Amino acid sequence: MFFPALDTLSVFPLIANTLGNNLLASTGNASSELPSWIDKHILTVFYDSLIQSPNQDMTSERRYKSARITSILFRLVAAVPPLFLSLYVTDLSFSLQLAGLCGLYVAFFAPVLLYLESSKRLRQDGHSFTNIYFGWWSNETFCAPILFFAIFSFCNVVYHIIKICLKVS
């Protein structure tokens, strides 16, 4: 009976960490160069002494500190809102339905959209589709039924979420 709640609770730090890292990566190339607003604003607030020193060692230390501060901030952006929402949402079934909504995106929407985009870019660049993972199932025709199923499931879950929200209020 308590397994879904304990499972969600135990995996929450991992999910928040991964989501924070992905949010950071979506702002720019997080591994080599940080977005300029991070370098300009966050470091100015936290590390004024590093900004004033122009030598190479301080620049690399500054980049390291900027990356650490930024990753922590993005992880907090991913972790804090669900914690505050958990104070308001006390119904476990509603929380699990919201998690299922996100799970639909991860399991169905993202892979299909990623496949469609990557196959489009491969065609544009003139590359071959064949590799060790290529098979009869590697066809854009299979994307449509999966997307239709995902949209149907998404609408079904949203319908039940709205039904719960209307019953509560």
N, C-alpha and C. Protein backbone atom coordinates (compact mmCIF):
# COMPACT_ATOMS: atom_id res chain seq x y z
N MET A 1 0.81 -1.19 0.00
CA MET A 1 0.00 0.00 0.00
C MET A 1 0.86 1.27 0.00
N PHE A 2 1.96 1.25 0.74
CA PHE A 2 2.80 2.44 0.81
C PHE A 2 3.90 2.45 -0.25
N PHE A 3 4.01 1.39 -1.04
CA PHE A 3 5.11 1.29 -1.99
C PHE A 3 5.17 2.46 -2.98
N PRO A 4 4.05 2.86 -3.64
CA PRO A 4 4.17 3.96 -4.60
C PRO A 4 4.67 5.26 -3.96
N ALA A 5 4.18 5.55 -2.76
CA ALA A 5 4.62 6.78 -2.09
C ALA A 5 6.09 6.70 -1.70
N LEU A 6 6.50 5.58 -1.13
CA LEU A 6 7.91 5.43 -0.74
C LEU A 6 8.83 5.39 -1.96
N ASP A 7 8.37 4.77 -3.03
CA ASP A 7 9.16 4.72 -4.25
C ASP A 7 9.36 6.13 -4.82
N THR A 8 8.28 6.90 -4.87
CA THR A 8 8.37 8.27 -5.38
C THR A 8 9.25 9.12 -4.48
N LEU A 9 9.10 8.96 -3.18
CA LEU A 9 9.90 9.74 -2.24
C LEU A 9 11.38 9.40 -2.34
N SER A 10 11.70 8.13 -2.52
CA SER A 10 13.11 7.74 -2.57
C SER A 10 13.78 8.15 -3.85
N VAL A 11 13.04 8.25 -4.94
CA VAL A 11 13.65 8.60 -6.21
C VAL A 11 13.59 10.11 -6.48
N PHE A 12 12.90 10.88 -5.66
CA PHE A 12 12.76 12.33 -5.87
C PHE A 12 14.09 13.06 -5.99
N PRO A 13 15.07 12.83 -5.12
CA PRO A 13 16.34 13.56 -5.29
C PRO A 13 17.02 13.28 -6.63
N LEU A 14 16.95 12.04 -7.08
CA LEU A 14 17.55 11.70 -8.37
C LEU A 14 16.83 12.41 -9.51
N ILE A 15 15.51 12.44 -9.45
CA ILE A 15 14.73 13.09 -10.50
C ILE A 15 14.99 14.60 -10.49
N ALA A 16 15.02 15.22 -9.32
CA ALA A 16 15.28 16.65 -9.23
C ALA A 16 16.67 16.99 -9.74
N ASN A 17 17.64 16.16 -9.42
CA ASN A 17 19.01 16.37 -9.89
C ASN A 17 19.08 16.28 -11.41
N THR A 18 18.47 15.25 -11.96
CA THR A 18 18.48 15.06 -13.42
C THR A 18 17.73 16.18 -14.13
N LEU A 19 16.57 16.56 -13.60
CA LEU A 19 15.81 17.65 -14.21
C LEU A 19 16.58 18.95 -14.13
N GLY A 20 17.22 19.24 -13.01
CA GLY A 20 18.03 20.45 -12.89
C GLY A 20 19.17 20.47 -13.89
N ASN A 21 19.84 19.35 -14.05
CA ASN A 21 20.94 19.27 -15.03
C ASN A 21 20.41 19.45 -16.46
N ASN A 22 19.25 18.88 -16.76
CA ASN A 22 18.68 19.03 -18.09
C ASN A 22 18.22 20.46 -18.34
N LEU A 23 17.66 21.10 -17.33
CA LEU A 23 17.29 22.51 -17.48
C LEU A 23 18.51 23.38 -17.74
N LEU A 24 19.58 23.09 -17.03
CA LEU A 24 20.84 23.83 -17.25
C LEU A 24 21.37 23.59 -18.65
N ALA A 25 21.34 22.35 -19.09
CA ALA A 25 21.84 22.03 -20.43
C ALA A 25 20.98 22.68 -21.51
N SER A 26 19.69 22.88 -21.23
CA SER A 26 18.83 23.49 -22.24
C SER A 26 19.06 24.99 -22.38
N THR A 27 19.76 25.61 -21.43
CA THR A 27 20.03 27.05 -21.54
C THR A 27 21.24 27.34 -22.41
N GLY A 28 22.02 26.38 -22.72
CA GLY A 28 23.22 26.55 -23.54
C GLY A 28 24.08 25.32 -23.39
N ASN A 29 25.27 25.37 -23.89
CA ASN A 29 26.18 24.24 -23.77
C ASN A 29 26.81 24.26 -22.38
N ALA A 30 26.22 23.56 -21.44
CA ALA A 30 26.62 23.63 -20.04
C ALA A 30 28.00 23.03 -19.80
N SER A 31 28.47 22.16 -20.68
CA SER A 31 29.75 21.51 -20.42
C SER A 31 30.94 22.39 -20.78
N SER A 32 30.80 23.29 -21.76
CA SER A 32 31.96 24.06 -22.16
C SER A 32 31.82 25.55 -21.88
N GLU A 33 30.65 26.11 -22.13
CA GLU A 33 30.49 27.54 -21.92
C GLU A 33 29.13 27.81 -21.31
N LEU A 34 29.13 28.53 -20.24
CA LEU A 34 27.87 28.83 -19.56
C LEU A 34 27.19 30.01 -20.22
N PRO A 35 25.89 30.10 -20.11
CA PRO A 35 25.20 31.26 -20.67
C PRO A 35 25.73 32.55 -20.07
N SER A 36 25.72 33.61 -20.86
CA SER A 36 26.33 34.86 -20.43
C SER A 36 25.63 35.46 -19.21
N TRP A 37 24.31 35.28 -19.09
CA TRP A 37 23.62 35.86 -17.94
C TRP A 37 24.06 35.21 -16.64
N ILE A 38 24.45 33.94 -16.71
CA ILE A 38 24.94 33.26 -15.51
C ILE A 38 26.29 33.82 -15.13
N ASP A 39 27.16 33.92 -16.12
CA ASP A 39 28.50 34.41 -15.87
C ASP A 39 28.47 35.85 -15.36
N LYS A 40 27.58 36.65 -15.93
CA LYS A 40 27.54 38.06 -15.59
C LYS A 40 26.86 38.32 -14.23
N HIS A 41 25.69 37.74 -14.01
CA HIS A 41 24.89 38.10 -12.84
C HIS A 41 25.17 37.25 -11.61
N ILE A 42 25.23 35.95 -11.78
CA ILE A 42 25.39 35.08 -10.62
C ILE A 42 26.77 35.23 -10.01
N LEU A 43 27.79 35.26 -10.84
CA LEU A 43 29.13 35.41 -10.29
C LEU A 43 29.33 36.77 -9.65
N THR A 44 28.71 37.79 -10.20
CA THR A 44 28.83 39.11 -9.61
C THR A 44 28.29 39.11 -8.19
N VAL A 45 27.21 38.40 -7.98
CA VAL A 45 26.60 38.35 -6.65
C VAL A 45 27.45 37.52 -5.68
N PHE A 46 27.93 36.34 -6.12
CA PHE A 46 28.56 35.41 -5.20
C PHE A 46 30.08 35.53 -5.12
N TYR A 47 30.74 35.92 -6.20
CA TYR A 47 32.19 35.88 -6.20
C TYR A 47 32.80 37.15 -6.80
N ASP A 48 32.61 38.28 -6.14
CA ASP A 48 33.17 39.53 -6.62
C ASP A 48 34.69 39.51 -6.66
N SER A 49 35.33 38.84 -5.71
CA SER A 49 36.79 38.83 -5.67
C SER A 49 37.38 38.09 -6.87
N LEU A 50 36.71 37.07 -7.36
CA LEU A 50 37.21 36.35 -8.52
C LEU A 50 37.07 37.16 -9.80
N ILE A 51 36.05 37.98 -9.88
CA ILE A 51 35.82 38.77 -11.07
C ILE A 51 36.90 39.83 -11.24
N GLN A 52 37.43 40.37 -10.14
CA GLN A 52 38.40 41.45 -10.22
C GLN A 52 39.78 40.96 -10.65
N SER A 53 40.09 39.70 -10.51
CA SER A 53 41.41 39.19 -10.85
C SER A 53 41.41 38.60 -12.26
N PRO A 54 42.25 39.14 -13.16
CA PRO A 54 42.19 38.69 -14.55
C PRO A 54 43.10 37.51 -14.90
N ASN A 55 43.91 36.98 -13.98
CA ASN A 55 44.86 35.94 -14.38
C ASN A 55 44.15 34.63 -14.73
N GLN A 56 44.88 33.73 -15.41
CA GLN A 56 44.30 32.50 -15.96
C GLN A 56 43.77 31.57 -14.88
N ASP A 57 44.49 31.43 -13.75
CA ASP A 57 44.03 30.53 -12.69
C ASP A 57 42.70 30.98 -12.12
N MET A 58 42.56 32.29 -11.96
CA MET A 58 41.30 32.80 -11.43
C MET A 58 40.16 32.63 -12.44
N THR A 59 40.48 32.73 -13.72
CA THR A 59 39.45 32.54 -14.74
C THR A 59 38.93 31.11 -14.72
N SER A 60 39.83 30.13 -14.61
CA SER A 60 39.36 28.74 -14.55
C SER A 60 38.62 28.46 -13.25
N GLU A 61 39.10 29.05 -12.16
CA GLU A 61 38.39 28.88 -10.88
C GLU A 61 37.02 29.56 -10.95
N ARG A 62 37.00 30.70 -11.59
CA ARG A 62 35.74 31.42 -11.75
C ARG A 62 34.75 30.58 -12.56
N ARG A 63 35.22 29.97 -13.63
CA ARG A 63 34.35 29.12 -14.45
C ARG A 63 33.84 27.92 -13.64
N TYR A 64 34.72 27.32 -12.84
CA TYR A 64 34.33 26.18 -12.02
C TYR A 64 33.28 26.60 -10.99
N LYS A 65 33.53 27.73 -10.32
CA LYS A 65 32.57 28.21 -9.31
C LYS A 65 31.24 28.57 -9.97
N SER A 66 31.30 29.18 -11.13
CA SER A 66 30.09 29.54 -11.84
C SER A 66 29.29 28.29 -12.20
N ALA A 67 29.98 27.26 -12.67
CA ALA A 67 29.29 26.01 -13.02
C ALA A 67 28.66 25.37 -11.80
N ARG A 68 29.35 25.37 -10.69
CA ARG A 68 28.81 24.76 -9.46
C ARG A 68 27.59 25.53 -8.96
N ILE A 69 27.71 26.85 -8.89
CA ILE A 69 26.60 27.67 -8.40
C ILE A 69 25.39 27.51 -9.30
N THR A 70 25.62 27.54 -10.60
CA THR A 70 24.53 27.44 -11.56
C THR A 70 23.85 26.08 -11.48
N SER A 71 24.63 25.01 -11.38
CA SER A 71 23.99 23.69 -11.30
C SER A 71 23.18 23.56 -10.02
N ILE A 72 23.67 24.11 -8.93
CA ILE A 72 22.91 24.07 -7.67
C ILE A 72 21.61 24.87 -7.80
N LEU A 73 21.68 26.05 -8.42
CA LEU A 73 20.47 26.86 -8.59
C LEU A 73 19.44 26.15 -9.47
N PHE A 74 19.88 25.53 -10.56
CA PHE A 74 18.94 24.83 -11.42
C PHE A 74 18.37 23.59 -10.73
N ARG A 75 19.15 22.94 -9.92
CA ARG A 75 18.62 21.80 -9.16
C ARG A 75 17.59 22.25 -8.15
N LEU A 76 17.81 23.42 -7.55
CA LEU A 76 16.81 23.97 -6.63
C LEU A 76 15.53 24.35 -7.36
N VAL A 77 15.68 24.89 -8.57
CA VAL A 77 14.50 25.22 -9.37
C VAL A 77 13.69 23.96 -9.66
N ALA A 78 14.37 22.84 -9.83
CA ALA A 78 13.67 21.58 -10.10
C ALA A 78 13.09 20.96 -8.84
N ALA A 79 13.71 21.18 -7.69
CA ALA A 79 13.31 20.47 -6.47
C ALA A 79 12.33 21.24 -5.59
N VAL A 80 12.42 22.55 -5.54
CA VAL A 80 11.63 23.32 -4.59
C VAL A 80 10.14 23.40 -4.96
N PRO A 81 9.75 23.66 -6.21
CA PRO A 81 8.30 23.74 -6.50
C PRO A 81 7.51 22.49 -6.13
N PRO A 82 8.00 21.27 -6.42
CA PRO A 82 7.22 20.10 -5.99
C PRO A 82 7.08 20.01 -4.47
N LEU A 83 8.09 20.46 -3.75
CA LEU A 83 8.00 20.41 -2.29
C LEU A 83 6.93 21.37 -1.78
N PHE A 84 6.85 22.56 -2.35
CA PHE A 84 5.81 23.50 -1.95
C PHE A 84 4.43 23.03 -2.40
N LEU A 85 4.33 22.44 -3.58
CA LEU A 85 3.05 21.92 -4.04
C LEU A 85 2.57 20.75 -3.19
N SER A 86 3.51 20.01 -2.61
CA SER A 86 3.11 18.88 -1.77
C SER A 86 2.41 19.34 -0.49
N LEU A 87 2.62 20.59 -0.10
CA LEU A 87 1.90 21.13 1.06
C LEU A 87 0.43 21.36 0.71
N TYR A 88 0.16 21.68 -0.54
CA TYR A 88 -1.20 21.95 -0.98
C TYR A 88 -1.92 20.67 -1.40
N VAL A 89 -1.23 19.82 -2.17
CA VAL A 89 -1.85 18.60 -2.70
C VAL A 89 -1.59 17.47 -1.71
N THR A 90 -2.63 17.05 -1.02
CA THR A 90 -2.47 16.00 -0.01
C THR A 90 -3.03 14.66 -0.48
N ASP A 91 -3.71 14.63 -1.62
CA ASP A 91 -4.29 13.40 -2.14
C ASP A 91 -3.22 12.65 -2.94
N LEU A 92 -2.86 11.46 -2.48
CA LEU A 92 -1.80 10.69 -3.13
C LEU A 92 -2.19 10.28 -4.54
N SER A 93 -3.45 9.97 -4.78
CA SER A 93 -3.85 9.57 -6.13
C SER A 93 -3.68 10.71 -7.12
N PHE A 94 -3.94 11.94 -6.68
CA PHE A 94 -3.74 13.10 -7.54
C PHE A 94 -2.25 13.29 -7.86
N SER A 95 -1.41 13.10 -6.86
CA SER A 95 0.04 13.22 -7.08
C SER A 95 0.53 12.16 -8.05
N LEU A 96 0.02 10.95 -7.91
CA LEU A 96 0.43 9.87 -8.81
C LEU A 96 -0.08 10.11 -10.23
N GLN A 97 -1.25 10.74 -10.38
CA GLN A 97 -1.73 11.06 -11.72
C GLN A 97 -0.87 12.14 -12.36
N LEU A 98 -0.43 13.11 -11.58
CA LEU A 98 0.48 14.11 -12.12
C LEU A 98 1.81 13.48 -12.53
N ALA A 99 2.28 12.55 -11.73
CA ALA A 99 3.51 11.84 -12.08
C ALA A 99 3.30 11.01 -13.35
N GLY A 100 2.12 10.42 -13.49
CA GLY A 100 1.81 9.66 -14.70
C GLY A 100 1.76 10.54 -15.93
N LEU A 101 1.30 11.76 -15.76
CA LEU A 101 1.29 12.71 -16.86
C LEU A 101 2.70 12.99 -17.35
N CYS A 102 3.61 13.18 -16.43
CA CYS A 102 5.02 13.38 -16.79
C CYS A 102 5.61 12.10 -17.37
N GLY A 103 5.19 10.96 -16.85
CA GLY A 103 5.66 9.69 -17.37
C GLY A 103 5.24 9.45 -18.81
N LEU A 104 4.06 9.93 -19.17
CA LEU A 104 3.62 9.82 -20.57
C LEU A 104 4.55 10.59 -21.49
N TYR A 105 4.96 11.74 -21.06
CA TYR A 105 5.90 12.52 -21.88
C TYR A 105 7.21 11.78 -22.04
N VAL A 106 7.73 11.28 -20.94
CA VAL A 106 9.04 10.60 -20.97
C VAL A 106 8.97 9.31 -21.78
N ALA A 107 7.89 8.54 -21.64
CA ALA A 107 7.82 7.23 -22.28
C ALA A 107 7.35 7.27 -23.72
N PHE A 108 6.49 8.24 -24.08
CA PHE A 108 5.90 8.21 -25.41
C PHE A 108 6.23 9.43 -26.26
N PHE A 109 5.96 10.62 -25.74
CA PHE A 109 6.13 11.82 -26.56
C PHE A 109 7.61 12.09 -26.89
N ALA A 110 8.46 12.11 -25.89
CA ALA A 110 9.87 12.46 -26.12
C ALA A 110 10.57 11.52 -27.09
N PRO A 111 10.45 10.19 -26.94
CA PRO A 111 11.15 9.32 -27.90
C PRO A 111 10.66 9.48 -29.35
N VAL A 112 9.34 9.62 -29.52
CA VAL A 112 8.81 9.76 -30.88
C VAL A 112 9.26 11.08 -31.49
N LEU A 113 9.15 12.15 -30.73
CA LEU A 113 9.56 13.45 -31.25
C LEU A 113 11.06 13.50 -31.51
N LEU A 114 11.83 12.86 -30.65
CA LEU A 114 13.28 12.79 -30.86
C LEU A 114 13.60 12.00 -32.12
N TYR A 115 12.91 10.88 -32.34
CA TYR A 115 13.13 10.08 -33.54
C TYR A 115 12.78 10.86 -34.80
N LEU A 116 11.64 11.55 -34.77
CA LEU A 116 11.22 12.32 -35.94
C LEU A 116 12.22 13.44 -36.25
N GLU A 117 12.65 14.14 -35.23
CA GLU A 117 13.61 15.24 -35.44
C GLU A 117 14.96 14.72 -35.92
N SER A 118 15.44 13.66 -35.33
CA SER A 118 16.75 13.13 -35.74
C SER A 118 16.70 12.57 -37.15
N SER A 119 15.61 11.89 -37.53
CA SER A 119 15.52 11.37 -38.90
C SER A 119 15.41 12.52 -39.90
N LYS A 120 14.73 13.61 -39.53
CA LYS A 120 14.66 14.78 -40.41
C LYS A 120 16.04 15.39 -40.62
N ARG A 121 16.80 15.51 -39.54
CA ARG A 121 18.14 16.09 -39.66
C ARG A 121 19.09 15.17 -40.42
N LEU A 122 18.94 13.86 -40.25
CA LEU A 122 19.76 12.92 -41.02
C LEU A 122 19.48 13.05 -42.51
N ARG A 123 18.22 13.19 -42.88
CA ARG A 123 17.86 13.37 -44.29
C ARG A 123 18.44 14.67 -44.83
N GLN A 124 18.37 15.74 -44.04
CA GLN A 124 18.89 17.03 -44.48
C GLN A 124 20.40 16.99 -44.71
N ASP A 125 21.11 16.27 -43.83
CA ASP A 125 22.56 16.19 -43.94
C ASP A 125 23.02 15.13 -44.93
N GLY A 126 22.11 14.31 -45.43
CA GLY A 126 22.45 13.27 -46.39
C GLY A 126 23.10 12.04 -45.79
N HIS A 127 22.89 11.80 -44.51
CA HIS A 127 23.45 10.62 -43.86
C HIS A 127 22.53 9.42 -44.00
N SER A 128 23.11 8.25 -43.80
CA SER A 128 22.35 7.00 -43.89
C SER A 128 21.67 6.70 -42.57
N PHE A 129 20.50 6.04 -42.66
CA PHE A 129 19.78 5.63 -41.46
C PHE A 129 20.31 4.34 -40.88
N THR A 130 21.07 3.59 -41.62
CA THR A 130 21.45 2.25 -41.18
C THR A 130 22.59 2.29 -40.17
N ASN A 131 22.40 1.55 -39.11
CA ASN A 131 23.42 1.29 -38.09
C ASN A 131 23.05 -0.02 -37.41
N ILE A 132 23.73 -0.36 -36.33
CA ILE A 132 23.46 -1.65 -35.69
C ILE A 132 22.07 -1.72 -35.05
N TYR A 133 21.46 -0.57 -34.80
CA TYR A 133 20.14 -0.54 -34.16
C TYR A 133 19.01 -0.46 -35.18
N PHE A 134 19.32 -0.39 -36.44
CA PHE A 134 18.33 -0.23 -37.49
C PHE A 134 17.65 -1.57 -37.77
N GLY A 135 16.34 -1.53 -37.97
CA GLY A 135 15.59 -2.75 -38.27
C GLY A 135 14.28 -2.40 -38.94
N TRP A 136 13.40 -3.38 -39.07
CA TRP A 136 12.11 -3.17 -39.71
C TRP A 136 11.25 -2.16 -38.95
N TRP A 137 11.50 -2.03 -37.63
CA TRP A 137 10.73 -1.12 -36.79
C TRP A 137 11.22 0.32 -36.91
N SER A 138 12.35 0.52 -37.56
CA SER A 138 12.93 1.86 -37.72
C SER A 138 12.27 2.56 -38.90
N ASN A 139 11.07 3.00 -38.68
CA ASN A 139 10.31 3.62 -39.74
C ASN A 139 9.41 4.69 -39.14
N GLU A 140 9.30 5.81 -39.82
CA GLU A 140 8.47 6.90 -39.31
C GLU A 140 6.98 6.55 -39.30
N THR A 141 6.60 5.51 -40.01
CA THR A 141 5.20 5.09 -40.05
C THR A 141 4.72 4.67 -38.66
N PHE A 142 5.60 4.11 -37.85
CA PHE A 142 5.23 3.64 -36.52
C PHE A 142 5.08 4.79 -35.52
N CYS A 143 5.53 5.97 -35.89
CA CYS A 143 5.43 7.10 -34.97
C CYS A 143 3.99 7.58 -34.79
N ALA A 144 3.21 7.55 -35.86
CA ALA A 144 1.83 8.04 -35.79
C ALA A 144 0.97 7.26 -34.80
N PRO A 145 0.95 5.91 -34.84
CA PRO A 145 0.14 5.20 -33.84
C PRO A 145 0.59 5.44 -32.41
N ILE A 146 1.89 5.56 -32.23
CA ILE A 146 2.40 5.82 -30.87
C ILE A 146 1.97 7.20 -30.41
N LEU A 147 2.04 8.18 -31.30
CA LEU A 147 1.60 9.53 -30.94
C LEU A 147 0.10 9.57 -30.66
N PHE A 148 -0.69 8.86 -31.45
CA PHE A 148 -2.14 8.82 -31.20
C PHE A 148 -2.44 8.18 -29.85
N PHE A 149 -1.75 7.10 -29.53
CA PHE A 149 -1.93 6.46 -28.23
C PHE A 149 -1.52 7.40 -27.10
N ALA A 150 -0.40 8.11 -27.29
CA ALA A 150 0.08 9.03 -26.27
C ALA A 150 -0.91 10.18 -26.07
N ILE A 151 -1.46 10.69 -27.16
CA ILE A 151 -2.43 11.79 -27.05
C ILE A 151 -3.71 11.30 -26.37
N PHE A 152 -4.17 10.10 -26.73
CA PHE A 152 -5.35 9.52 -26.08
C PHE A 152 -5.10 9.34 -24.58
N SER A 153 -3.96 8.79 -24.23
CA SER A 153 -3.63 8.57 -22.82
C SER A 153 -3.50 9.88 -22.07
N PHE A 154 -2.88 10.86 -22.72
CA PHE A 154 -2.72 12.18 -22.10
C PHE A 154 -4.09 12.80 -21.82
N CYS A 155 -4.99 12.75 -22.80
CA CYS A 155 -6.34 13.30 -22.60
C CYS A 155 -7.08 12.55 -21.50
N ASN A 156 -6.92 11.24 -21.44
CA ASN A 156 -7.57 10.43 -20.41
C ASN A 156 -7.08 10.84 -19.02
N VAL A 157 -5.78 10.99 -18.85
CA VAL A 157 -5.23 11.36 -17.55
C VAL A 157 -5.64 12.79 -17.18
N VAL A 158 -5.61 13.70 -18.15
CA VAL A 158 -6.02 15.08 -17.88
C VAL A 158 -7.50 15.12 -17.49
N TYR A 159 -8.34 14.32 -18.15
CA TYR A 159 -9.76 14.25 -17.80
C TYR A 159 -9.94 13.84 -16.34
N HIS A 160 -9.20 12.82 -15.91
CA HIS A 160 -9.34 12.35 -14.53
C HIS A 160 -8.76 13.35 -13.54
N ILE A 161 -7.72 14.04 -13.92
CA ILE A 161 -7.17 15.08 -13.04
C ILE A 161 -8.18 16.20 -12.85
N ILE A 162 -8.81 16.64 -13.94
CA ILE A 162 -9.82 17.70 -13.85
C ILE A 162 -11.00 17.23 -13.03
N LYS A 163 -11.38 15.97 -13.21
CA LYS A 163 -12.50 15.41 -12.45
C LYS A 163 -12.19 15.43 -10.94
N ILE A 164 -10.96 15.09 -10.57
CA ILE A 164 -10.56 15.12 -9.17
C ILE A 164 -10.55 16.57 -8.66
N CYS A 165 -10.03 17.48 -9.45
CA CYS A 165 -9.98 18.89 -9.04
C CYS A 165 -11.37 19.47 -8.83
N LEU A 166 -12.31 19.13 -9.69
CA LEU A 166 -13.68 19.63 -9.55
C LEU A 166 -14.40 19.01 -8.36
N LYS A 167 -14.07 17.76 -8.06
CA LYS A 167 -14.71 17.10 -6.92
C LYS A 167 -14.19 17.70 -5.61
N VAL A 168 -12.91 18.06 -5.57
CA VAL A 168 -12.32 18.60 -4.35
C VAL A 168 -12.85 19.99 -4.06
N SER A 169 -12.97 20.82 -5.08
CA SER A 169 -13.39 22.21 -4.86
C SER A 169 -14.87 22.36 -4.92
